[in-house]
Structures are given as C-alpha cells and as structure tokens.
Amino acid sequence: MPKVRQNLATDLLLRVLGLGLMAISGLAAAGLVAMVQTPPAHEGSPAEMGLAAVAFLGASAGVILSSLGAHIFDEVAISPRWALRPLPSDRAGRRPSRATAHR
C-alpha cells in the first residue's frame, strides 16, 4: 500500500477509534447517572468510581484521537534548554566524584 494511502488509513482509523472511545464514554456516563440517581442516597461505590474513570479517560482519549488522528505521532522541536544533556560526571576526561570512587 502506498505511504499516502497508509497514512490516510491510519489517520481515519485513529479518528474512528476516538469517536468510538467517546461513545463508550457517553455510555459509561449514562450508566453512572443511572447508578447515582438510584435511591436511597449512598456513598460512592467502587463500581461508580470505575465508571467515572472510564467516562473521563474515554472522553479525554477520544477527543485527542478524533481531533489529531495520525498527527499524534508527529515529531516536535524541543528547545535546547530542555534537551537532554549528559551530566557533568558523565563527561569524558573527568575524575569520578567521591561518591562513585568508593564503589
């Protein structure tokens, strides 16, 4: 499959997956509302907390995937200030510190 078609297929697949996650999130939220509204008043159960977590995480991941699609894998430029640099003790030609000399 040509790279353009493969990228398009990946993009569409990720966006559809995002929509599916949002649908699952909506179902979890509807189930949570039904559980919470059931009398008598009660403390939150582990099942309700789990449904709330599924609803939140599904909505969050669904929005990200449906809006970004395959662009979620794009590389971004990092400022030199935040780029990884070797520690001073890792540089060649330096003597080891006292902490590493006793090992």
N, C-alpha and C. Protein backbone atom coordinates (compact mmCIF):
# COMPACT_ATOMS: atom_id res chain seq x y z
N MET A 1 0.85 -1.17 0.00
CA MET A 1 0.00 0.00 0.00
C MET A 1 0.91 1.24 0.00
N PRO A 2 0.63 2.21 -0.88
CA PRO A 2 1.45 3.43 -0.89
C PRO A 2 1.39 4.15 0.46
N LYS A 3 2.48 4.89 0.75
CA LYS A 3 2.59 5.55 2.05
C LYS A 3 1.46 6.56 2.27
N VAL A 4 1.04 7.25 1.21
CA VAL A 4 -0.03 8.23 1.34
C VAL A 4 -1.33 7.55 1.75
N ARG A 5 -1.63 6.43 1.10
CA ARG A 5 -2.86 5.70 1.45
C ARG A 5 -2.76 5.09 2.84
N GLN A 6 -1.56 4.61 3.20
CA GLN A 6 -1.36 4.03 4.52
C GLN A 6 -1.55 5.11 5.59
N ASN A 7 -1.00 6.30 5.37
CA ASN A 7 -1.17 7.38 6.33
C ASN A 7 -2.63 7.80 6.43
N LEU A 8 -3.32 7.83 5.29
CA LEU A 8 -4.74 8.18 5.31
C LEU A 8 -5.53 7.12 6.07
N ALA A 9 -5.22 5.85 5.82
CA ALA A 9 -5.93 4.78 6.52
C ALA A 9 -5.66 4.83 8.02
N THR A 10 -4.41 5.08 8.39
CA THR A 10 -4.07 5.19 9.81
C THR A 10 -4.79 6.37 10.45
N ASP A 11 -4.80 7.49 9.73
CA ASP A 11 -5.46 8.69 10.25
C ASP A 11 -6.95 8.44 10.47
N LEU A 12 -7.60 7.86 9.48
CA LEU A 12 -9.03 7.59 9.60
C LEU A 12 -9.32 6.57 10.71
N LEU A 13 -8.47 5.55 10.79
CA LEU A 13 -8.66 4.54 11.83
C LEU A 13 -8.55 5.15 13.23
N LEU A 14 -7.55 5.99 13.43
CA LEU A 14 -7.39 6.63 14.74
C LEU A 14 -8.54 7.57 15.06
N ARG A 15 -9.03 8.29 14.05
CA ARG A 15 -10.16 9.19 14.29
C ARG A 15 -11.44 8.42 14.62
N VAL A 16 -11.66 7.30 13.92
CA VAL A 16 -12.83 6.47 14.21
C VAL A 16 -12.70 5.84 15.61
N LEU A 17 -11.49 5.44 15.95
CA LEU A 17 -11.24 4.90 17.30
C LEU A 17 -11.57 5.96 18.35
N GLY A 18 -11.19 7.21 18.09
CA GLY A 18 -11.51 8.30 19.01
C GLY A 18 -13.01 8.49 19.16
N LEU A 19 -13.73 8.42 18.06
CA LEU A 19 -15.19 8.54 18.14
C LEU A 19 -15.79 7.37 18.92
N GLY A 20 -15.23 6.18 18.73
CA GLY A 20 -15.71 5.03 19.50
C GLY A 20 -15.45 5.19 20.99
N LEU A 21 -14.28 5.72 21.34
CA LEU A 21 -13.99 5.96 22.75
C LEU A 21 -14.94 6.99 23.35
N MET A 22 -15.29 8.01 22.57
CA MET A 22 -16.25 8.99 23.08
C MET A 22 -17.63 8.37 23.25
N ALA A 23 -18.01 7.46 22.36
CA ALA A 23 -19.29 6.77 22.50
C ALA A 23 -19.31 5.89 23.76
N ILE A 24 -18.20 5.17 23.99
CA ILE A 24 -18.10 4.35 25.20
C ILE A 24 -18.14 5.24 26.44
N SER A 25 -17.52 6.40 26.35
CA SER A 25 -17.53 7.34 27.46
C SER A 25 -18.95 7.82 27.75
N GLY A 26 -19.70 8.10 26.71
CA GLY A 26 -21.09 8.53 26.89
C GLY A 26 -21.94 7.44 27.52
N LEU A 27 -21.73 6.19 27.10
CA LEU A 27 -22.47 5.08 27.70
C LEU A 27 -22.09 4.90 29.16
N ALA A 28 -20.81 5.03 29.47
CA ALA A 28 -20.37 4.92 30.86
C ALA A 28 -20.96 6.04 31.71
N ALA A 29 -21.02 7.25 31.16
CA ALA A 29 -21.59 8.37 31.90
C ALA A 29 -23.09 8.17 32.12
N ALA A 30 -23.78 7.64 31.12
CA ALA A 30 -25.21 7.37 31.28
C ALA A 30 -25.45 6.30 32.34
N GLY A 31 -24.62 5.25 32.34
CA GLY A 31 -24.74 4.22 33.37
C GLY A 31 -24.42 4.76 34.75
N LEU A 32 -23.45 5.65 34.82
CA LEU A 32 -23.10 6.27 36.10
C LEU A 32 -24.24 7.11 36.63
N VAL A 33 -24.87 7.89 35.77
CA VAL A 33 -26.01 8.71 36.21
C VAL A 33 -27.13 7.81 36.72
N ALA A 34 -27.39 6.70 36.03
CA ALA A 34 -28.44 5.79 36.47
C ALA A 34 -28.11 5.18 37.83
N MET A 35 -26.84 4.85 38.06
CA MET A 35 -26.45 4.26 39.35
C MET A 35 -26.52 5.29 40.48
N VAL A 36 -26.09 6.51 40.21
CA VAL A 36 -26.04 7.53 41.25
C VAL A 36 -27.45 8.00 41.61
N GLN A 37 -28.34 8.06 40.65
CA GLN A 37 -29.70 8.56 40.89
C GLN A 37 -30.61 7.55 41.59
N THR A 38 -30.14 6.32 41.77
CA THR A 38 -30.96 5.28 42.39
C THR A 38 -31.08 5.54 43.89
N PRO A 39 -32.32 5.66 44.40
CA PRO A 39 -32.48 5.85 45.86
C PRO A 39 -32.12 4.56 46.58
N PRO A 40 -31.80 4.58 47.83
CA PRO A 40 -31.60 5.73 48.71
C PRO A 40 -30.22 6.36 48.46
N ALA A 41 -30.03 7.54 49.02
CA ALA A 41 -28.74 8.22 48.88
C ALA A 41 -27.64 7.35 49.49
N HIS A 42 -26.49 7.30 48.84
CA HIS A 42 -25.43 6.41 49.30
C HIS A 42 -24.07 7.00 48.95
N GLU A 43 -23.06 6.46 49.59
CA GLU A 43 -21.68 6.85 49.27
C GLU A 43 -21.31 6.25 47.92
N GLY A 44 -20.30 6.81 47.30
CA GLY A 44 -19.86 6.29 46.01
C GLY A 44 -19.27 4.90 46.15
N SER A 45 -19.73 3.99 45.32
CA SER A 45 -19.23 2.61 45.35
C SER A 45 -18.02 2.48 44.41
N PRO A 46 -17.26 1.43 44.54
CA PRO A 46 -16.14 1.21 43.61
C PRO A 46 -16.59 1.11 42.15
N ALA A 47 -17.77 0.54 41.92
CA ALA A 47 -18.29 0.45 40.55
C ALA A 47 -18.57 1.84 39.99
N GLU A 48 -19.12 2.72 40.81
CA GLU A 48 -19.39 4.08 40.36
C GLU A 48 -18.09 4.84 40.08
N MET A 49 -17.11 4.65 40.94
CA MET A 49 -15.81 5.30 40.72
C MET A 49 -15.16 4.77 39.45
N GLY A 50 -15.28 3.47 39.20
CA GLY A 50 -14.73 2.88 37.99
C GLY A 50 -15.42 3.41 36.73
N LEU A 51 -16.75 3.53 36.79
CA LEU A 51 -17.46 4.08 35.65
C LEU A 51 -17.09 5.54 35.41
N ALA A 52 -16.91 6.29 36.48
CA ALA A 52 -16.48 7.69 36.33
C ALA A 52 -15.10 7.76 35.68
N ALA A 53 -14.20 6.87 36.08
CA ALA A 53 -12.85 6.85 35.49
C ALA A 53 -12.92 6.47 34.01
N VAL A 54 -13.72 5.47 33.67
CA VAL A 54 -13.87 5.06 32.27
C VAL A 54 -14.46 6.20 31.45
N ALA A 55 -15.46 6.90 32.00
CA ALA A 55 -16.06 8.02 31.28
C ALA A 55 -15.04 9.13 31.05
N PHE A 56 -14.29 9.48 32.07
CA PHE A 56 -13.31 10.56 31.94
C PHE A 56 -12.18 10.20 30.99
N LEU A 57 -11.58 9.02 31.18
CA LEU A 57 -10.45 8.62 30.34
C LEU A 57 -10.88 8.38 28.89
N GLY A 58 -12.07 7.79 28.71
CA GLY A 58 -12.57 7.58 27.36
C GLY A 58 -12.84 8.88 26.64
N ALA A 59 -13.42 9.84 27.34
CA ALA A 59 -13.68 11.14 26.71
C ALA A 59 -12.38 11.87 26.40
N SER A 60 -11.43 11.82 27.32
CA SER A 60 -10.15 12.51 27.11
C SER A 60 -9.39 11.91 25.92
N ALA A 61 -9.23 10.60 25.91
CA ALA A 61 -8.51 9.95 24.82
C ALA A 61 -9.28 10.07 23.51
N GLY A 62 -10.60 10.00 23.57
CA GLY A 62 -11.41 10.11 22.36
C GLY A 62 -11.30 11.46 21.70
N VAL A 63 -11.32 12.52 22.49
CA VAL A 63 -11.18 13.86 21.92
C VAL A 63 -9.81 14.04 21.29
N ILE A 64 -8.78 13.56 21.97
CA ILE A 64 -7.42 13.69 21.43
C ILE A 64 -7.29 12.93 20.11
N LEU A 65 -7.72 11.67 20.10
CA LEU A 65 -7.58 10.86 18.89
C LEU A 65 -8.45 11.37 17.74
N SER A 66 -9.67 11.78 18.04
CA SER A 66 -10.54 12.23 16.95
C SER A 66 -10.11 13.58 16.40
N SER A 67 -9.47 14.40 17.21
CA SER A 67 -9.05 15.70 16.70
C SER A 67 -7.67 15.64 16.03
N LEU A 68 -6.75 14.82 16.54
CA LEU A 68 -5.40 14.77 15.97
C LEU A 68 -5.20 13.66 14.95
N GLY A 69 -5.85 12.54 15.13
CA GLY A 69 -5.66 11.43 14.20
C GLY A 69 -4.21 10.97 14.20
N ALA A 70 -3.65 10.77 13.01
CA ALA A 70 -2.27 10.30 12.90
C ALA A 70 -1.25 11.37 13.28
N HIS A 71 -1.69 12.61 13.40
CA HIS A 71 -0.77 13.68 13.79
C HIS A 71 -0.32 13.54 15.24
N ILE A 72 -0.91 12.62 15.97
CA ILE A 72 -0.48 12.40 17.35
C ILE A 72 0.96 11.87 17.39
N PHE A 73 1.43 11.30 16.27
CA PHE A 73 2.78 10.76 16.20
C PHE A 73 3.79 11.73 15.60
N ASP A 74 3.38 12.95 15.28
CA ASP A 74 4.29 13.93 14.69
C ASP A 74 5.40 14.29 15.67
N GLU A 75 6.59 14.50 15.13
CA GLU A 75 7.72 14.93 15.97
C GLU A 75 7.61 16.43 16.21
N VAL A 76 8.04 16.86 17.37
CA VAL A 76 8.03 18.27 17.70
C VAL A 76 9.45 18.71 18.04
N ALA A 77 9.72 19.97 17.79
CA ALA A 77 11.04 20.51 18.10
C ALA A 77 11.10 20.87 19.58
N ILE A 78 12.20 20.54 20.21
CA ILE A 78 12.39 20.85 21.62
C ILE A 78 13.49 21.89 21.73
N SER A 79 13.24 22.88 22.54
CA SER A 79 14.21 23.94 22.76
C SER A 79 15.50 23.35 23.33
N PRO A 80 16.65 23.91 22.96
CA PRO A 80 17.91 23.40 23.52
C PRO A 80 17.93 23.46 25.05
N ARG A 81 17.19 24.38 25.60
CA ARG A 81 17.15 24.49 27.06
C ARG A 81 16.60 23.22 27.70
N TRP A 82 15.65 22.57 27.05
CA TRP A 82 15.01 21.39 27.62
C TRP A 82 15.53 20.09 27.04
N ALA A 83 16.45 20.15 26.11
CA ALA A 83 17.01 18.93 25.52
C ALA A 83 17.87 18.19 26.55
N LEU A 84 17.95 16.89 26.40
CA LEU A 84 18.74 16.09 27.32
C LEU A 84 20.22 16.31 27.06
N ARG A 85 20.96 16.56 28.11
CA ARG A 85 22.41 16.72 28.03
C ARG A 85 23.03 15.76 29.02
N PRO A 86 24.25 15.31 28.75
CA PRO A 86 24.91 14.43 29.71
C PRO A 86 25.22 15.18 31.00
N LEU A 87 25.19 14.47 32.09
CA LEU A 87 25.53 15.06 33.38
C LEU A 87 27.02 15.38 33.41
N PRO A 88 27.43 16.35 34.21
CA PRO A 88 28.86 16.70 34.27
C PRO A 88 29.74 15.51 34.64
N SER A 89 29.27 14.61 35.48
CA SER A 89 30.07 13.46 35.88
C SER A 89 30.19 12.42 34.77
N ASP A 90 29.34 12.49 33.74
CA ASP A 90 29.37 11.54 32.64
C ASP A 90 30.32 11.96 31.53
N ARG A 91 30.84 13.17 31.57
CA ARG A 91 31.71 13.66 30.51
C ARG A 91 33.07 12.97 30.58
N ALA A 92 33.63 12.72 29.41
CA ALA A 92 34.94 12.04 29.34
C ALA A 92 36.02 12.97 29.87
N GLY A 93 37.02 12.38 30.50
CA GLY A 93 38.15 13.15 30.98
C GLY A 93 37.96 13.73 32.36
N ARG A 94 36.85 13.46 33.00
CA ARG A 94 36.64 13.99 34.34
C ARG A 94 36.87 12.90 35.36
N ARG A 95 37.39 13.28 36.48
CA ARG A 95 37.59 12.31 37.55
C ARG A 95 36.24 11.97 38.18
N PRO A 96 36.08 10.74 38.65
CA PRO A 96 34.83 10.39 39.32
C PRO A 96 34.72 11.13 40.65
N SER A 97 33.51 11.36 41.04
CA SER A 97 33.29 12.04 42.31
C SER A 97 33.59 11.09 43.47
N ARG A 98 33.63 11.62 44.67
CA ARG A 98 33.90 10.78 45.84
C ARG A 98 32.87 9.68 46.03
N ALA A 99 31.61 10.01 45.70
CA ALA A 99 30.54 9.02 45.90
C ALA A 99 30.75 7.81 45.00
N THR A 100 31.23 8.01 43.78
CA THR A 100 31.41 6.87 42.87
C THR A 100 32.77 6.24 43.00
N ALA A 101 33.75 6.92 43.65
CA ALA A 101 35.10 6.38 43.77
C ALA A 101 35.17 5.25 44.80
N HIS A 102 34.27 5.21 45.76
CA HIS A 102 34.32 4.22 46.82
C HIS A 102 33.59 2.94 46.46
N ARG A 103 32.97 2.87 45.33
CA ARG A 103 32.20 1.68 44.97
C ARG A 103 33.05 0.61 44.39
